[in-house]
C-alpha atoms as a PDB file:
ATOM      1  CA  MET A   1       8.180  19.307  10.259  1.00  0.00           C
ATOM      2  CA  PHE A   2      11.508  17.714  11.439  1.00  0.00           C
ATOM      3  CA  ASN A   3      14.761  19.633  10.673  1.00  0.00           C
ATOM      4  CA  LEU A   4      17.683  17.520  10.585  1.00  0.00           C
ATOM      5  CA  ALA A   5      20.148  20.209   9.425  1.00  0.00           C
ATOM      6  CA  GLU A   6      21.542  20.732  12.879  1.00  0.00           C
ATOM      7  CA  TYR A   7      22.853  17.124  12.856  1.00  0.00           C
ATOM      8  CA  ARG A   8      23.990  16.768   9.306  1.00  0.00           C
ATOM      9  CA  ASN A   9      24.540  19.188   6.507  1.00  0.00           C
ATOM     10  CA  ARG A  10      24.248  16.963   3.479  1.00  0.00           C
ATOM     11  CA  ASN A  11      22.045  14.109   2.360  1.00  0.00           C
ATOM     12  CA  SER A  12      24.347  11.029   2.190  1.00  0.00           C
ATOM     13  CA  ARG A  13      22.292   8.111   3.499  1.00  0.00           C
ATOM     14  CA  LEU A  14      19.129   6.425   2.351  1.00  0.00           C
ATOM     15  CA  VAL A  15      17.288   7.611   5.436  1.00  0.00           C
ATOM     16  CA  ASP A  16      17.786  11.195   4.344  1.00  0.00           C
ATOM     17  CA  PHE A  17      15.853  10.638   1.167  1.00  0.00           C
ATOM     18  CA  LEU A  18      12.997   8.579   2.606  1.00  0.00           C
ATOM     19  CA  PRO A  19       9.744  10.392   3.899  1.00  0.00           C
ATOM     20  CA  TRP A  20       9.204   8.157   6.899  1.00  0.00           C
ATOM     21  CA  ALA A  21       9.899   9.348  10.457  1.00  0.00           C
ATOM     22  CA  ALA A  22       8.369   6.865  12.951  1.00  0.00           C
ATOM     23  CA  LEU A  23       5.787   4.082  13.471  1.00  0.00           C
ATOM     24  CA  VAL A  24       3.098   5.659  15.652  1.00  0.00           C
ATOM     25  CA  GLY A  25       0.558   2.838  15.711  1.00  0.00           C
ATOM     26  CA  GLU A  26      -0.308  -0.499  14.266  1.00  0.00           C
ATOM     27  CA  GLY A  27       0.743  -0.100  10.668  1.00  0.00           C
ATOM     28  CA  ILE A  28       0.601   3.696  10.781  1.00  0.00           C
ATOM     29  CA  VAL A  29       3.576   5.630   9.682  1.00  0.00           C
ATOM     30  CA  LEU A  30       4.331   9.353  10.654  1.00  0.00           C
ATOM     31  CA  ASN A  31       6.166  10.992   7.785  1.00  0.00           C
ATOM     32  CA  LYS A  32       8.724  13.802   8.148  1.00  0.00           C
ATOM     33  CA  ASP A  33       6.348  16.347   6.820  1.00  0.00           C
ATOM     34  CA  GLY A  34       3.776  15.577   9.543  1.00  0.00           C
ATOM     35  CA  SER A  35       1.473  13.457   7.413  1.00  0.00           C
ATOM     36  CA  PHE A  36       0.343  10.032   8.386  1.00  0.00           C
ATOM     37  CA  GLN A  37       0.114   6.948   6.056  1.00  0.00           C
ATOM     38  CA  ARG A  38      -1.078   3.491   5.971  1.00  0.00           C
ATOM     39  CA  THR A  39      -0.819   0.835   3.128  1.00  0.00           C
ATOM     40  CA  ALA A  40      -2.972  -2.205   2.594  1.00  0.00           C
ATOM     41  CA  GLN A  41      -2.750  -4.921  -0.020  1.00  0.00           C
ATOM     42  CA  PHE A  42      -5.956  -5.874  -1.635  1.00  0.00           C
ATOM     43  CA  ARG A  43      -7.510  -8.124  -4.309  1.00  0.00           C
ATOM     44  CA  GLY A  44     -10.622  -7.406  -6.341  1.00  0.00           C
ATOM     45  CA  PRO A  45     -12.691  -8.703  -9.145  1.00  0.00           C
ATOM     46  CA  ASP A  46     -11.370  -8.956 -12.704  1.00  0.00           C
ATOM     47  CA  LEU A  47     -12.568  -5.618 -14.235  1.00  0.00           C
ATOM     48  CA  ASP A  48     -11.166  -6.358 -17.666  1.00  0.00           C
ATOM     49  CA  SER A  49     -13.996  -8.801 -18.162  1.00  0.00           C
ATOM     50  CA  ALA A  50     -16.720  -6.567 -16.572  1.00  0.00           C
ATOM     51  CA  VAL A  51     -19.555  -5.023 -18.510  1.00  0.00           C
ATOM     52  CA  PRO A  52     -19.760  -1.151 -18.679  1.00  0.00           C
ATOM     53  CA  ALA A  53     -22.655  -1.084 -16.179  1.00  0.00           C
ATOM     54  CA  GLU A  54     -20.575  -3.004 -13.605  1.00  0.00           C
ATOM     55  CA  LEU A  55     -17.652  -0.617 -14.104  1.00  0.00           C
ATOM     56  CA  VAL A  56     -19.899   2.393 -13.560  1.00  0.00           C
ATOM     57  CA  ALA A  57     -21.279   0.792 -10.336  1.00  0.00           C
ATOM     58  CA  VAL A  58     -17.756   0.019  -9.052  1.00  0.00           C
ATOM     59  CA  ALA A  59     -16.581   3.598  -9.800  1.00  0.00           C
ATOM     60  CA  GLY A  60     -19.597   4.973  -8.103  1.00  0.00           C
ATOM     61  CA  ARG A  61     -18.993   3.007  -4.926  1.00  0.00           C
ATOM     62  CA  LEU A  62     -15.292   3.967  -4.793  1.00  0.00           C
ATOM     63  CA  ASN A  63     -16.187   7.709  -5.456  1.00  0.00           C
ATOM     64  CA  ASN A  64     -18.742   7.696  -2.577  1.00  0.00           C
ATOM     65  CA  ALA A  65     -16.229   6.121  -0.284  1.00  0.00           C
ATOM     66  CA  PHE A  66     -13.393   8.458  -1.066  1.00  0.00           C
ATOM     67  CA  ARG A  67     -15.373  11.713  -1.155  1.00  0.00           C
ATOM     68  CA  ARG A  68     -16.372  11.276   2.443  1.00  0.00           C
ATOM     69  CA  LEU A  69     -12.751  11.656   3.416  1.00  0.00           C
ATOM     70  CA  GLY A  70     -12.771  15.391   2.878  1.00  0.00           C
ATOM     71  CA  SER A  71      -9.652  17.546   2.439  1.00  0.00           C
ATOM     72  CA  GLY A  72      -6.132  16.689   3.532  1.00  0.00           C
ATOM     73  CA  TRP A  73      -6.238  13.189   2.113  1.00  0.00           C
ATOM     74  CA  ALA A  74      -4.162  11.524  -0.652  1.00  0.00           C
ATOM     75  CA  ILE A  75      -4.757   8.047  -2.186  1.00  0.00           C
ATOM     76  CA  PHE A  76      -2.220   6.128  -4.090  1.00  0.00           C
ATOM     77  CA  VAL A  77      -2.832   2.806  -5.780  1.00  0.00           C
ATOM     78  CA  GLN A  78      -0.084   0.563  -7.138  1.00  0.00           C
ATOM     79  CA  ALA A  79      -0.045  -2.676  -9.053  1.00  0.00           C
ATOM     80  CA  HIS A  80       2.738  -5.109  -8.894  1.00  0.00           C
ATOM     81  CA  ARG A  81       2.832  -7.954 -11.560  1.00  0.00           C
ATOM     82  CA  HIS A  82       4.927 -10.990 -11.053  1.00  0.00           C
ATOM     83  CA  ALA A  83       5.249 -14.189 -12.908  1.00  0.00           C
ATOM     84  CA  ALA A  84       3.086 -17.098 -11.729  1.00  0.00           C
ATOM     85  CA  ALA A  85       5.485 -19.800 -10.734  1.00  0.00           C
ATOM     86  CA  HIS A  86       3.303 -22.906 -11.200  1.00  0.00           C
ATOM     87  CA  TYR A  87      -0.228 -24.016 -11.484  1.00  0.00           C
ATOM     88  CA  PRO A  88      -1.821 -24.535  -8.061  1.00  0.00           C
ATOM     89  CA  GLY A  89      -2.649 -28.129  -7.322  1.00  0.00           C
ATOM     90  CA  CYS A  90      -5.814 -29.397  -5.485  1.00  0.00           C
ATOM     91  CA  ARG A  91      -7.951 -32.446  -5.082  1.00  0.00           C
ATOM     92  CA  PHE A  92     -11.378 -32.887  -6.556  1.00  0.00           C
ATOM     93  CA  PRO A  93     -14.220 -35.178  -5.191  1.00  0.00           C
ATOM     94  CA  ASP A  94     -15.086 -36.663  -8.597  1.00  0.00           C
ATOM     95  CA  ALA A  95     -13.197 -37.629 -11.826  1.00  0.00           C
ATOM     96  CA  ALA A  96     -15.025 -35.129 -14.043  1.00  0.00           C
ATOM     97  CA  SER A  97     -13.807 -32.180 -12.118  1.00  0.00           C
ATOM     98  CA  ALA A  98     -10.315 -33.620 -12.088  1.00  0.00           C
ATOM     99  CA  LEU A  99     -10.344 -34.037 -15.916  1.00  0.00           C
ATOM    100  CA  VAL A 100     -11.406 -30.432 -16.369  1.00  0.00           C
ATOM    101  CA  ASP A 101      -8.634 -29.248 -14.020  1.00  0.00           C
ATOM    102  CA  ALA A 102      -6.169 -31.481 -15.877  1.00  0.00           C
ATOM    103  CA  GLU A 103      -6.986 -29.641 -19.150  1.00  0.00           C
ATOM    104  CA  ARG A 104      -6.632 -26.336 -17.518  1.00  0.00           C
ATOM    105  CA  LYS A 105      -3.258 -27.250 -16.125  1.00  0.00           C
ATOM    106  CA  ALA A 106      -2.195 -28.495 -19.626  1.00  0.00           C
ATOM    107  CA  ASP A 107      -3.266 -25.213 -21.241  1.00  0.00           C
ATOM    108  CA  PHE A 108      -1.568 -23.169 -18.471  1.00  0.00           C
ATOM    109  CA  GLU A 109       1.770 -25.016 -19.010  1.00  0.00           C
ATOM    110  CA  GLU A 110       1.588 -24.767 -22.888  1.00  0.00           C
ATOM    111  CA  ALA A 111       0.593 -20.939 -23.071  1.00  0.00           C
ATOM    112  CA  GLY A 112       3.961 -19.728 -21.747  1.00  0.00           C
ATOM    113  CA  ALA A 113       4.321 -16.953 -19.165  1.00  0.00           C
ATOM    114  CA  HIS A 114       1.427 -16.195 -16.798  1.00  0.00           C
ATOM    115  CA  PHE A 115       1.303 -13.349 -14.378  1.00  0.00           C
ATOM    116  CA  GLU A 116      -0.377 -12.502 -11.102  1.00  0.00           C
ATOM    117  CA  SER A 117      -1.100  -9.052  -9.837  1.00  0.00           C
ATOM    118  CA  ALA A 118      -0.787  -7.677  -6.260  1.00  0.00           C
ATOM    119  CA  TYR A 119      -2.428  -4.269  -5.605  1.00  0.00           C
ATOM    120  CA  TYR A 120      -1.622  -1.884  -2.791  1.00  0.00           C
ATOM    121  CA  LEU A 121      -3.619   1.071  -1.572  1.00  0.00           C
ATOM    122  CA  THR A 122      -1.806   3.865   0.434  1.00  0.00           C
ATOM    123  CA  ILE A 123      -3.833   6.402   2.188  1.00  0.00           C
ATOM    124  CA  CYS A 124      -2.104   9.494   3.442  1.00  0.00           C
ATOM    125  CA  TYR A 125      -3.446  12.279   5.648  1.00  0.00           C
ATOM    126  CA  LEU A 126      -1.858  15.558   6.300  1.00  0.00           C
ATOM    127  CA  PRO A 127      -3.558  17.108   9.387  1.00  0.00           C
ATOM    128  CA  PRO A 128      -4.034  20.894   9.688  1.00  0.00           C
ATOM    129  CA  ALA A 129      -1.011  22.832  10.952  1.00  0.00           C
ATOM    130  CA  GLU A 130      -2.060  22.990  14.585  1.00  0.00           C
ATOM    131  CA  ASP A 131      -2.606  19.189  14.797  1.00  0.00           C
ATOM    132  CA  ALA A 132       0.781  18.585  13.000  1.00  0.00           C
ATOM    133  CA  SER A 133       2.551  20.854  15.600  1.00  0.00           C
ATOM    134  CA  ARG A 134       1.030  18.867  18.430  1.00  0.00           C
ATOM    135  CA  ALA A 135       2.217  15.657  16.944  1.00  0.00           C
ATOM    136  CA  GLU A 136       5.690  17.193  16.548  1.00  0.00           C
ATOM    137  CA  THR A 137       5.912  18.005  20.291  1.00  0.00           C
ATOM    138  CA  ARG A 138       5.200  14.399  21.189  1.00  0.00           C
ATOM    139  CA  LEU A 139       8.047  13.178  19.049  1.00  0.00           C
ATOM    140  CA  CYS A 140      11.622  14.029  19.846  1.00  0.00           C
ATOM    141  CA  LEU A 141      14.893  13.251  18.225  1.00  0.00           C
ATOM    142  CA  THR A 142      17.245  10.701  19.718  1.00  0.00           C
ATOM    143  CA  SER A 143      20.601  11.962  20.677  1.00  0.00           C
ATOM    144  CA  GLY A 144      22.357   8.858  19.328  1.00  0.00           C
ATOM    145  CA  LEU A 145      21.684   8.492  15.663  1.00  0.00           C
ATOM    146  CA  PRO A 146      20.659  11.403  13.484  1.00  0.00           C
ATOM    147  CA  GLY A 147      17.601  10.772  11.416  1.00  0.00           C
ATOM    148  CA  THR A 148      15.971   8.319  13.842  1.00  0.00           C
ATOM    149  CA  TYR A 149      13.161   9.055  16.121  1.00  0.00           C
ATOM    150  CA  ARG A 150      11.551   7.717  19.242  1.00  0.00           C
ATOM    151  CA  HIS A 151       8.157   8.193  20.769  1.00  0.00           C
ATOM    152  CA  ASP A 152       7.988   9.697  24.312  1.00  0.00           C
ATOM    153  CA  PRO A 153       4.713   8.689  26.112  1.00  0.00           C
END
């Protein structure tokens, strides 16, 4: 969609290899190929301990949600695991709950490394060619720095 060859003949900077062109809305990125993307971080239930019927139900709900999108959409899911730094502390209203939590904390500290997961969902939409050309006419290159864009209202 955006041809940078007239400003620079070789890819030498990080911006030349990245797909992003401009922020066009709150959290919405316009890519250089004319597609739009948005990424969200999410948390969900622990599906490793789920029964097969629950897995089928979750897969069915996701399938129904994603098939309504139609054509031109791409969905990417990423998981990032990082070490859990420490056991979270909290206060309990009674001694029995505090004792149970103290046992959990001792097990946590004895067991070794623990990990937490962060999940990211990226949704990309590539509009039809006529819509992409309209988006291209609303964006123009800045004359100062090659590879940067600004939005003209």
